[in-house]
Amino acid sequence: HYIFNNINQIFDKLFIHDSYSCRKGKGTHYGINRID
């Protein structure tokens, strides 16, 4: 969690919008609705 808290804010901005795993506000339900 120490590592995650220090670097996630950097990488989350580099990810495409439609990468759904392990991201705040995303997840399986969000991914299903986006594909729909």
PDB file of all heavy atoms in Angstrom:
ATOM      1  N   HIS A   1       0.832  -1.204   0.000  1.00  0.00           N
ATOM      2  CA  HIS A   1       0.000   0.000   0.000  1.00  0.00           C
ATOM      3  C   HIS A   1       0.869   1.256   0.000  1.00  0.00           C
ATOM      4  O   HIS A   1       0.476   2.269  -0.591  1.00  0.00           O
ATOM      5  CB  HIS A   1      -0.942  -0.008   1.207  1.00  0.00           C
ATOM      6  CG  HIS A   1      -2.158  -0.858   1.013  1.00  0.00           C
ATOM      7  ND1 HIS A   1      -3.330  -0.371   0.465  1.00  0.00           N
ATOM      8  CD2 HIS A   1      -2.384  -2.172   1.263  1.00  0.00           C
ATOM      9  CE1 HIS A   1      -4.224  -1.344   0.401  1.00  0.00           C
ATOM     10  NE2 HIS A   1      -3.675  -2.446   0.874  1.00  0.00           N
ATOM     11  N   TYR A   2       2.004   1.201   0.653  1.00  0.00           N
ATOM     12  CA  TYR A   2       2.955   2.330   0.635  1.00  0.00           C
ATOM     13  C   TYR A   2       3.375   2.625  -0.808  1.00  0.00           C
ATOM     14  O   TYR A   2       3.361   3.781  -1.247  1.00  0.00           O
ATOM     15  CB  TYR A   2       4.167   1.970   1.493  1.00  0.00           C
ATOM     16  CG  TYR A   2       5.265   3.011   1.515  1.00  0.00           C
ATOM     17  CD1 TYR A   2       5.332   3.952   2.533  1.00  0.00           C
ATOM     18  CD2 TYR A   2       6.244   3.050   0.530  1.00  0.00           C
ATOM     19  CE1 TYR A   2       6.342   4.912   2.569  1.00  0.00           C
ATOM     20  CE2 TYR A   2       7.257   3.996   0.542  1.00  0.00           C
ATOM     21  CZ  TYR A   2       7.302   4.926   1.569  1.00  0.00           C
ATOM     22  OH  TYR A   2       8.302   5.872   1.583  1.00  0.00           O
ATOM     23  N   ILE A   3       3.743   1.580  -1.541  1.00  0.00           N
ATOM     24  CA  ILE A   3       4.139   1.750  -2.943  1.00  0.00           C
ATOM     25  C   ILE A   3       2.971   2.276  -3.771  1.00  0.00           C
ATOM     26  O   ILE A   3       3.109   3.237  -4.539  1.00  0.00           O
ATOM     27  CB  ILE A   3       4.650   0.414  -3.519  1.00  0.00           C
ATOM     28  CG1 ILE A   3       5.954  -0.013  -2.831  1.00  0.00           C
ATOM     29  CG2 ILE A   3       4.857   0.515  -5.037  1.00  0.00           C
ATOM     30  CD1 ILE A   3       6.398  -1.428  -3.177  1.00  0.00           C
ATOM     31  N   PHE A   4       1.811   1.640  -3.608  1.00  0.00           N
ATOM     32  CA  PHE A   4       0.619   2.035  -4.364  1.00  0.00           C
ATOM     33  C   PHE A   4       0.285   3.507  -4.128  1.00  0.00           C
ATOM     34  O   PHE A   4       0.026   4.264  -5.072  1.00  0.00           O
ATOM     35  CB  PHE A   4      -0.562   1.148  -3.961  1.00  0.00           C
ATOM     36  CG  PHE A   4      -1.817   1.390  -4.748  1.00  0.00           C
ATOM     37  CD1 PHE A   4      -2.080   0.688  -5.903  1.00  0.00           C
ATOM     38  CD2 PHE A   4      -2.749   2.340  -4.331  1.00  0.00           C
ATOM     39  CE1 PHE A   4      -3.236   0.911  -6.642  1.00  0.00           C
ATOM     40  CE2 PHE A   4      -3.903   2.572  -5.052  1.00  0.00           C
ATOM     41  CZ  PHE A   4      -4.143   1.857  -6.212  1.00  0.00           C
ATOM     42  N   ASN A   5       0.293   3.914  -2.866  1.00  0.00           N
ATOM     43  CA  ASN A   5      -0.068   5.292  -2.528  1.00  0.00           C
ATOM     44  C   ASN A   5       0.906   6.316  -3.105  1.00  0.00           C
ATOM     45  O   ASN A   5       0.534   7.467  -3.339  1.00  0.00           O
ATOM     46  CB  ASN A   5      -0.139   5.461  -1.006  1.00  0.00           C
ATOM     47  CG  ASN A   5      -1.308   4.708  -0.388  1.00  0.00           C
ATOM     48  OD1 ASN A   5      -2.244   4.314  -1.081  1.00  0.00           O
ATOM     49  ND2 ASN A   5      -1.250   4.479   0.914  1.00  0.00           N
ATOM     50  N   ASN A   6       2.145   5.901  -3.330  1.00  0.00           N
ATOM     51  CA  ASN A   6       3.163   6.819  -3.822  1.00  0.00           C
ATOM     52  C   ASN A   6       3.227   6.917  -5.344  1.00  0.00           C
ATOM     53  O   ASN A   6       3.672   7.943  -5.876  1.00  0.00           O
ATOM     54  CB  ASN A   6       4.538   6.432  -3.277  1.00  0.00           C
ATOM     55  CG  ASN A   6       4.820   7.025  -1.909  1.00  0.00           C
ATOM     56  OD1 ASN A   6       5.223   8.178  -1.792  1.00  0.00           O
ATOM     57  ND2 ASN A   6       4.568   6.249  -0.865  1.00  0.00           N
ATOM     58  N   ILE A   7       2.813   5.867  -6.055  1.00  0.00           N
ATOM     59  CA  ILE A   7       2.981   5.907  -7.513  1.00  0.00           C
ATOM     60  C   ILE A   7       1.683   5.814  -8.307  1.00  0.00           C
ATOM     61  O   ILE A   7       1.678   6.111  -9.503  1.00  0.00           O
ATOM     62  CB  ILE A   7       3.946   4.796  -7.999  1.00  0.00           C
ATOM     63  CG1 ILE A   7       3.323   3.398  -7.846  1.00  0.00           C
ATOM     64  CG2 ILE A   7       5.275   4.873  -7.284  1.00  0.00           C
ATOM     65  CD1 ILE A   7       4.144   2.292  -8.506  1.00  0.00           C
ATOM     66  N   ASN A   8       0.600   5.418  -7.653  1.00  0.00           N
ATOM     67  CA  ASN A   8      -0.635   5.216  -8.418  1.00  0.00           C
ATOM     68  C   ASN A   8      -1.115   6.486  -9.101  1.00  0.00           C
ATOM     69  O   ASN A   8      -1.625   6.448 -10.229  1.00  0.00           O
ATOM     70  CB  ASN A   8      -1.741   4.661  -7.518  1.00  0.00           C
ATOM     71  CG  ASN A   8      -3.010   4.362  -8.287  1.00  0.00           C
ATOM     72  OD1 ASN A   8      -2.998   3.588  -9.241  1.00  0.00           O
ATOM     73  ND2 ASN A   8      -4.100   4.993  -7.907  1.00  0.00           N
ATOM     74  N   GLN A   9      -0.954   7.644  -8.425  1.00  0.00           N
ATOM     75  CA  GLN A   9      -1.429   8.893  -9.013  1.00  0.00           C
ATOM     76  C   GLN A   9      -0.666   9.241 -10.285  1.00  0.00           C
ATOM     77  O   GLN A   9      -1.192   9.931 -11.173  1.00  0.00           O
ATOM     78  CB  GLN A   9      -1.346  10.045  -7.994  1.00  0.00           C
ATOM     79  CG  GLN A   9       0.029  10.670  -7.822  1.00  0.00           C
ATOM     80  CD  GLN A   9       0.946   9.866  -6.915  1.00  0.00           C
ATOM     81  OE1 GLN A   9       0.564   8.797  -6.434  1.00  0.00           O
ATOM     82  NE2 GLN A   9       2.149  10.365  -6.659  1.00  0.00           N
ATOM     83  N   ILE A  10       0.568   8.759 -10.409  1.00  0.00           N
ATOM     84  CA  ILE A  10       1.352   8.990 -11.630  1.00  0.00           C
ATOM     85  C   ILE A  10       0.817   8.134 -12.769  1.00  0.00           C
ATOM     86  O   ILE A  10       0.536   8.630 -13.863  1.00  0.00           O
ATOM     87  CB  ILE A  10       2.842   8.678 -11.389  1.00  0.00           C
ATOM     88  CG1 ILE A  10       3.448   9.684 -10.405  1.00  0.00           C
ATOM     89  CG2 ILE A  10       3.619   8.681 -12.709  1.00  0.00           C
ATOM     90  CD1 ILE A  10       4.859   9.349  -9.986  1.00  0.00           C
ATOM     91  N   PHE A  11       0.651   6.842 -12.486  1.00  0.00           N
ATOM     92  CA  PHE A  11       0.284   5.917 -13.557  1.00  0.00           C
ATOM     93  C   PHE A  11      -1.184   6.014 -13.946  1.00  0.00           C
ATOM     94  O   PHE A  11      -1.528   5.784 -15.109  1.00  0.00           O
ATOM     95  CB  PHE A  11       0.649   4.485 -13.153  1.00  0.00           C
ATOM     96  CG  PHE A  11       2.115   4.222 -13.206  1.00  0.00           C
ATOM     97  CD1 PHE A  11       2.887   4.285 -12.060  1.00  0.00           C
ATOM     98  CD2 PHE A  11       2.744   3.948 -14.412  1.00  0.00           C
ATOM     99  CE1 PHE A  11       4.257   4.064 -12.105  1.00  0.00           C
ATOM    100  CE2 PHE A  11       4.113   3.718 -14.471  1.00  0.00           C
ATOM    101  CZ  PHE A  11       4.868   3.785 -13.321  1.00  0.00           C
ATOM    102  N   ASP A  12      -2.041   6.351 -13.006  1.00  0.00           N
ATOM    103  CA  ASP A  12      -3.455   6.424 -13.339  1.00  0.00           C
ATOM    104  C   ASP A  12      -3.713   7.461 -14.433  1.00  0.00           C
ATOM    105  O   ASP A  12      -4.617   7.292 -15.256  1.00  0.00           O
ATOM    106  CB  ASP A  12      -4.280   6.761 -12.092  1.00  0.00           C
ATOM    107  CG  ASP A  12      -5.747   6.424 -12.270  1.00  0.00           C
ATOM    108  OD1 ASP A  12      -6.069   5.222 -12.400  1.00  0.00           O
ATOM    109  OD2 ASP A  12      -6.573   7.352 -12.315  1.00  0.00           O
ATOM    110  N   LYS A  13      -2.916   8.522 -14.464  1.00  0.00           N
ATOM    111  CA  LYS A  13      -3.052   9.545 -15.501  1.00  0.00           C
ATOM    112  C   LYS A  13      -2.496   9.075 -16.847  1.00  0.00           C
ATOM    113  O   LYS A  13      -2.812   9.665 -17.885  1.00  0.00           O
ATOM    114  CB  LYS A  13      -2.349  10.829 -15.050  1.00  0.00           C
ATOM    115  CG  LYS A  13      -3.014  11.494 -13.860  1.00  0.00           C
ATOM    116  CD  LYS A  13      -2.243  12.716 -13.395  1.00  0.00           C
ATOM    117  CE  LYS A  13      -2.915  13.351 -12.178  1.00  0.00           C
ATOM    118  NZ  LYS A  13      -2.144  14.518 -11.663  1.00  0.00           N
ATOM    119  N   LEU A  14      -1.659   8.045 -16.812  1.00  0.00           N
ATOM    120  CA  LEU A  14      -1.084   7.519 -18.049  1.00  0.00           C
ATOM    121  C   LEU A  14      -1.960   6.436 -18.677  1.00  0.00           C
ATOM    122  O   LEU A  14      -1.848   6.158 -19.873  1.00  0.00           O
ATOM    123  CB  LEU A  14       0.313   6.947 -17.779  1.00  0.00           C
ATOM    124  CG  LEU A  14       1.356   7.909 -17.197  1.00  0.00           C
ATOM    125  CD1 LEU A  14       2.659   7.171 -16.931  1.00  0.00           C
ATOM    126  CD2 LEU A  14       1.596   9.085 -18.131  1.00  0.00           C
ATOM    127  N   PHE A  15      -2.806   5.816 -17.860  1.00  0.00           N
ATOM    128  CA  PHE A  15      -3.666   4.741 -18.356  1.00  0.00           C
ATOM    129  C   PHE A  15      -4.751   5.293 -19.275  1.00  0.00           C
ATOM    130  O   PHE A  15      -5.204   6.434 -19.113  1.00  0.00           O
ATOM    131  CB  PHE A  15      -4.336   3.995 -17.195  1.00  0.00           C
ATOM    132  CG  PHE A  15      -3.389   3.254 -16.295  1.00  0.00           C
ATOM    133  CD1 PHE A  15      -3.703   3.046 -14.957  1.00  0.00           C
ATOM    134  CD2 PHE A  15      -2.186   2.751 -16.768  1.00  0.00           C
ATOM    135  CE1 PHE A  15      -2.848   2.364 -14.117  1.00  0.00           C
ATOM    136  CE2 PHE A  15      -1.317   2.062 -15.938  1.00  0.00           C
ATOM    137  CZ  PHE A  15      -1.651   1.874 -14.608  1.00  0.00           C
ATOM    138  N   ILE A  16      -5.196   4.465 -20.215  1.00  0.00           N
ATOM    139  CA  ILE A  16      -6.364   4.830 -21.010  1.00  0.00           C
ATOM    140  C   ILE A  16      -7.599   4.796 -20.116  1.00  0.00           C
ATOM    141  O   ILE A  16      -7.596   4.166 -19.043  1.00  0.00           O
ATOM    142  CB  ILE A  16      -6.550   3.881 -22.216  1.00  0.00           C
ATOM    143  CG1 ILE A  16      -6.865   2.442 -21.738  1.00  0.00           C
ATOM    144  CG2 ILE A  16      -5.351   3.909 -23.138  1.00  0.00           C
ATOM    145  CD1 ILE A  16      -7.332   1.516 -22.839  1.00  0.00           C
ATOM    146  N   HIS A  17      -8.646   5.463 -20.536  1.00  0.00           N
ATOM    147  CA  HIS A  17      -9.865   5.519 -19.724  1.00  0.00           C
ATOM    148  C   HIS A  17     -10.451   4.128 -19.508  1.00  0.00           C
ATOM    149  O   HIS A  17     -10.991   3.839 -18.435  1.00  0.00           O
ATOM    150  CB  HIS A  17     -10.904   6.420 -20.402  1.00  0.00           C
ATOM    151  CG  HIS A  17     -12.165   6.566 -19.613  1.00  0.00           C
ATOM    152  ND1 HIS A  17     -12.292   7.434 -18.550  1.00  0.00           N
ATOM    153  CD2 HIS A  17     -13.368   5.932 -19.722  1.00  0.00           C
ATOM    154  CE1 HIS A  17     -13.498   7.335 -18.041  1.00  0.00           C
ATOM    155  NE2 HIS A  17     -14.187   6.435 -18.734  1.00  0.00           N
ATOM    156  N   ASP A  18     -10.342   3.283 -20.530  1.00  0.00           N
ATOM    157  CA  ASP A  18     -11.026   1.988 -20.483  1.00  0.00           C
ATOM    158  C   ASP A  18     -10.123   0.831 -20.089  1.00  0.00           C
ATOM    159  O   ASP A  18     -10.183  -0.261 -20.642  1.00  0.00           O
ATOM    160  CB  ASP A  18     -11.720   1.732 -21.820  1.00  0.00           C
ATOM    161  CG  ASP A  18     -12.947   2.609 -21.982  1.00  0.00           C
ATOM    162  OD1 ASP A  18     -13.955   2.318 -21.329  1.00  0.00           O
ATOM    163  OD2 ASP A  18     -12.871   3.614 -22.708  1.00  0.00           O
ATOM    164  N   SER A  19      -9.286   1.077 -19.091  1.00  0.00           N
ATOM    165  CA  SER A  19      -8.584   0.025 -18.367  1.00  0.00           C
ATOM    166  C   SER A  19      -9.265  -0.038 -17.008  1.00  0.00           C
ATOM    167  O   SER A  19      -9.256   0.941 -16.258  1.00  0.00           O
ATOM    168  CB  SER A  19      -7.096   0.381 -18.216  1.00  0.00           C
ATOM    169  OG  SER A  19      -6.468  -0.477 -17.311  1.00  0.00           O
ATOM    170  N   TYR A  20      -9.902  -1.165 -16.674  1.00  0.00           N
ATOM    171  CA  TYR A  20     -10.892  -1.172 -15.593  1.00  0.00           C
ATOM    172  C   TYR A  20     -10.415  -1.754 -14.263  1.00  0.00           C
ATOM    173  O   TYR A  20     -11.040  -1.509 -13.236  1.00  0.00           O
ATOM    174  CB  TYR A  20     -12.135  -1.957 -16.046  1.00  0.00           C
ATOM    175  CG  TYR A  20     -12.661  -1.557 -17.396  1.00  0.00           C
ATOM    176  CD1 TYR A  20     -12.773  -2.485 -18.428  1.00  0.00           C
ATOM    177  CD2 TYR A  20     -13.038  -0.243 -17.665  1.00  0.00           C
ATOM    178  CE1 TYR A  20     -13.258  -2.125 -19.675  1.00  0.00           C
ATOM    179  CE2 TYR A  20     -13.514   0.133 -18.909  1.00  0.00           C
ATOM    180  CZ  TYR A  20     -13.621  -0.820 -19.921  1.00  0.00           C
ATOM    181  OH  TYR A  20     -14.081  -0.451 -21.156  1.00  0.00           O
ATOM    182  N   SER A  21      -9.355  -2.503 -14.261  1.00  0.00           N
ATOM    183  CA  SER A  21      -8.950  -3.222 -13.051  1.00  0.00           C
ATOM    184  C   SER A  21      -8.170  -2.340 -12.087  1.00  0.00           C
ATOM    185  O   SER A  21      -7.308  -1.557 -12.494  1.00  0.00           O
ATOM    186  CB  SER A  21      -8.090  -4.433 -13.434  1.00  0.00           C
ATOM    187  OG  SER A  21      -7.544  -5.055 -12.288  1.00  0.00           O
ATOM    188  N   CYS A  22      -8.478  -2.485 -10.788  1.00  0.00           N
ATOM    189  CA  CYS A  22      -7.705  -1.848  -9.712  1.00  0.00           C
ATOM    190  C   CYS A  22      -7.616  -0.334  -9.881  1.00  0.00           C
ATOM    191  O   CYS A  22      -6.557   0.266  -9.689  1.00  0.00           O
ATOM    192  CB  CYS A  22      -6.303  -2.460  -9.655  1.00  0.00           C
ATOM    193  SG  CYS A  22      -5.360  -2.063  -8.160  1.00  0.00           S
ATOM    194  N   ARG A  23      -8.746   0.293 -10.232  1.00  0.00           N
ATOM    195  CA  ARG A  23      -8.760   1.735 -10.412  1.00  0.00           C
ATOM    196  C   ARG A  23     -10.005   2.326  -9.754  1.00  0.00           C
ATOM    197  O   ARG A  23     -11.103   1.765  -9.870  1.00  0.00           O
ATOM    198  CB  ARG A  23      -8.731   2.109 -11.897  1.00  0.00           C
ATOM    199  CG  ARG A  23      -7.477   1.656 -12.601  1.00  0.00           C
ATOM    200  CD  ARG A  23      -7.482   2.076 -14.055  1.00  0.00           C
ATOM    201  NE  ARG A  23      -7.391   3.535 -14.191  1.00  0.00           N
ATOM    202  CZ  ARG A  23      -7.570   4.167 -15.353  1.00  0.00           C
ATOM    203  NH1 ARG A  23      -7.864   3.473 -16.453  1.00  0.00           N
ATOM    204  NH2 ARG A  23      -7.462   5.476 -15.409  1.00  0.00           N
ATOM    205  N   LYS A  24      -9.818   3.440  -9.068  1.00  0.00           N
ATOM    206  CA  LYS A  24     -10.909   4.094  -8.371  1.00  0.00           C
ATOM    207  C   LYS A  24     -11.994   4.511  -9.364  1.00  0.00           C
ATOM    208  O   LYS A  24     -11.708   5.130 -10.389  1.00  0.00           O
ATOM    209  CB  LYS A  24     -10.390   5.322  -7.620  1.00  0.00           C
ATOM    210  CG  LYS A  24     -11.415   5.960  -6.701  1.00  0.00           C
ATOM    211  CD  LYS A  24     -10.793   7.084  -5.900  1.00  0.00           C
ATOM    212  CE  LYS A  24     -11.818   7.710  -4.954  1.00  0.00           C
ATOM    213  NZ  LYS A  24     -11.214   8.811  -4.153  1.00  0.00           N
ATOM    214  N   GLY A  25     -13.223   4.162  -9.046  1.00  0.00           N
ATOM    215  CA  GLY A  25     -14.344   4.521  -9.906  1.00  0.00           C
ATOM    216  C   GLY A  25     -14.535   3.596 -11.087  1.00  0.00           C
ATOM    217  O   GLY A  25     -15.433   3.816 -11.909  1.00  0.00           O
ATOM    218  N   LYS A  26     -13.706   2.554 -11.200  1.00  0.00           N
ATOM    219  CA  LYS A  26     -13.835   1.606 -12.325  1.00  0.00           C
ATOM    220  C   LYS A  26     -14.279   0.244 -11.759  1.00  0.00           C
ATOM    221  O   LYS A  26     -15.168   0.189 -10.936  1.00  0.00           O
ATOM    222  CB  LYS A  26     -12.503   1.510 -13.080  1.00  0.00           C
ATOM    223  CG  LYS A  26     -11.972   2.857 -13.602  1.00  0.00           C
ATOM    224  CD  LYS A  26     -12.826   3.433 -14.724  1.00  0.00           C
ATOM    225  CE  LYS A  26     -12.362   4.817 -15.151  1.00  0.00           C
ATOM    226  NZ  LYS A  26     -11.132   4.793 -15.912  1.00  0.00           N
ATOM    227  N   GLY A  27     -13.669  -0.832 -12.213  1.00  0.00           N
ATOM    228  CA  GLY A  27     -14.032  -2.161 -11.719  1.00  0.00           C
ATOM    229  C   GLY A  27     -14.874  -2.943 -12.714  1.00  0.00           C
ATOM    230  O   GLY A  27     -15.132  -2.505 -13.838  1.00  0.00           O
ATOM    231  N   THR A  28     -15.336  -4.115 -12.283  1.00  0.00           N
ATOM    232  CA  THR A  28     -16.038  -5.034 -13.185  1.00  0.00           C
ATOM    233  C   THR A  28     -17.355  -4.465 -13.689  1.00  0.00           C
ATOM    234  O   THR A  28     -17.654  -4.529 -14.879  1.00  0.00           O
ATOM    235  CB  THR A  28     -16.288  -6.385 -12.500  1.00  0.00           C
ATOM    236  OG1 THR A  28     -17.014  -6.173 -11.279  1.00  0.00           O
ATOM    237  CG2 THR A  28     -14.981  -7.087 -12.173  1.00  0.00           C
ATOM    238  N   HIS A  29     -18.152  -3.919 -12.780  1.00  0.00           N
ATOM    239  CA  HIS A  29     -19.474  -3.403 -13.182  1.00  0.00           C
ATOM    240  C   HIS A  29     -19.326  -2.258 -14.181  1.00  0.00           C
ATOM    241  O   HIS A  29     -20.055  -2.195 -15.184  1.00  0.00           O
ATOM    242  CB  HIS A  29     -20.243  -2.942 -11.936  1.00  0.00           C
ATOM    243  CG  HIS A  29     -21.598  -2.390 -12.233  1.00  0.00           C
ATOM    244  ND1 HIS A  29     -22.552  -3.098 -12.924  1.00  0.00           N
ATOM    245  CD2 HIS A  29     -22.168  -1.183 -11.941  1.00  0.00           C
ATOM    246  CE1 HIS A  29     -23.648  -2.361 -13.053  1.00  0.00           C
ATOM    247  NE2 HIS A  29     -23.432  -1.200 -12.463  1.00  0.00           N
ATOM    248  N   TYR A  30     -18.368  -1.380 -13.928  1.00  0.00           N
ATOM    249  CA  TYR A  30     -18.121  -0.270 -14.837  1.00  0.00           C
ATOM    250  C   TYR A  30     -17.677  -0.797 -16.206  1.00  0.00           C
ATOM    251  O   TYR A  30     -18.126  -0.317 -17.253  1.00  0.00           O
ATOM    252  CB  TYR A  30     -17.052   0.657 -14.257  1.00  0.00           C
ATOM    253  CG  TYR A  30     -16.765   1.881 -15.098  1.00  0.00           C
ATOM    254  CD1 TYR A  30     -17.544   3.023 -14.979  1.00  0.00           C
ATOM    255  CD2 TYR A  30     -15.722   1.889 -16.026  1.00  0.00           C
ATOM    256  CE1 TYR A  30     -17.293   4.151 -15.744  1.00  0.00           C
ATOM    257  CE2 TYR A  30     -15.461   3.007 -16.805  1.00  0.00           C
ATOM    258  CZ  TYR A  30     -16.254   4.130 -16.660  1.00  0.00           C
ATOM    259  OH  TYR A  30     -16.003   5.243 -17.434  1.00  0.00           O
ATOM    260  N   GLY A  31     -16.776  -1.797 -16.191  1.00  0.00           N
ATOM    261  CA  GLY A  31     -16.286  -2.370 -17.439  1.00  0.00           C
ATOM    262  C   GLY A  31     -17.390  -3.003 -18.262  1.00  0.00           C
ATOM    263  O   GLY A  31     -17.445  -2.845 -19.492  1.00  0.00           O
ATOM    264  N   ILE A  32     -18.282  -3.720 -17.600  1.00  0.00           N
ATOM    265  CA  ILE A  32     -19.413  -4.354 -18.292  1.00  0.00           C
ATOM    266  C   ILE A  32     -20.294  -3.294 -18.961  1.00  0.00           C
ATOM    267  O   ILE A  32     -20.680  -3.424 -20.127  1.00  0.00           O
ATOM    268  CB  ILE A  32     -20.236  -5.201 -17.298  1.00  0.00           C
ATOM    269  CG1 ILE A  32     -19.433  -6.427 -16.853  1.00  0.00           C
ATOM    270  CG2 ILE A  32     -21.570  -5.635 -17.913  1.00  0.00           C
ATOM    271  CD1 ILE A  32     -19.995  -7.126 -15.637  1.00  0.00           C
ATOM    272  N   ASN A  33     -20.589  -2.246 -18.227  1.00  0.00           N
ATOM    273  CA  ASN A  33     -21.440  -1.183 -18.778  1.00  0.00           C
ATOM    274  C   ASN A  33     -20.764  -0.444 -19.921  1.00  0.00           C
ATOM    275  O   ASN A  33     -21.425  -0.007 -20.874  1.00  0.00           O
ATOM    276  CB  ASN A  33     -21.835  -0.197 -17.674  1.00  0.00           C
ATOM    277  CG  ASN A  33     -22.920  -0.751 -16.761  1.00  0.00           C
ATOM    278  OD1 ASN A  33     -23.701  -1.605 -17.170  1.00  0.00           O
ATOM    279  ND2 ASN A  33     -22.951  -0.295 -15.530  1.00  0.00           N
ATOM    280  N   ARG A  34     -19.444  -0.282 -19.843  1.00  0.00           N
ATOM    281  CA  ARG A  34     -18.726   0.398 -20.926  1.00  0.00           C
ATOM    282  C   ARG A  34     -18.745  -0.436 -22.211  1.00  0.00           C
ATOM    283  O   ARG A  34     -18.947   0.104 -23.310  1.00  0.00           O
ATOM    284  CB  ARG A  34     -17.277   0.662 -20.508  1.00  0.00           C
ATOM    285  CG  ARG A  34     -17.129   1.825 -19.573  1.00  0.00           C
ATOM    286  CD  ARG A  34     -17.424   3.157 -20.234  1.00  0.00           C
ATOM    287  NE  ARG A  34     -16.352   3.570 -21.147  1.00  0.00           N
ATOM    288  CZ  ARG A  34     -16.389   4.670 -21.881  1.00  0.00           C
ATOM    289  NH1 ARG A  34     -17.451   5.456 -21.851  1.00  0.00           N
ATOM    290  NH2 ARG A  34     -15.376   4.987 -22.683  1.00  0.00           N
ATOM    291  N   ILE A  35     -18.544  -1.751 -22.092  1.00  0.00           N
ATOM    292  CA  ILE A  35     -18.588  -2.604 -23.281  1.00  0.00           C
ATOM    293  C   ILE A  35     -19.997  -2.591 -23.873  1.00  0.00           C
ATOM    294  O   ILE A  35     -20.174  -2.549 -25.100  1.00  0.00           O
ATOM    295  CB  ILE A  35     -18.141  -4.038 -22.951  1.00  0.00           C
ATOM    296  CG1 ILE A  35     -16.677  -4.047 -22.483  1.00  0.00           C
ATOM    297  CG2 ILE A  35     -18.319  -4.950 -24.153  1.00  0.00           C
ATOM    298  CD1 ILE A  35     -15.683  -3.478 -23.478  1.00  0.00           C
ATOM    299  N   ASP A  36     -21.008  -2.612 -23.023  1.00  0.00           N
ATOM    300  CA  ASP A  36     -22.390  -2.503 -23.496  1.00  0.00           C
ATOM    301  C   ASP A  36     -22.591  -1.180 -24.245  1.00  0.00           C
ATOM    302  O   ASP A  36     -23.210  -1.138 -25.325  1.00  0.00           O
ATOM    303  CB  ASP A  36     -23.350  -2.583 -22.307  1.00  0.00           C
ATOM    304  CG  ASP A  36     -24.808  -2.427 -22.703  1.00  0.00           C
ATOM    305  OD1 ASP A  36     -25.271  -3.192 -23.569  1.00  0.00           O
ATOM    306  OD2 ASP A  36     -25.472  -1.520 -22.165  1.00  0.00           O
TER     307      ASP A  36
END
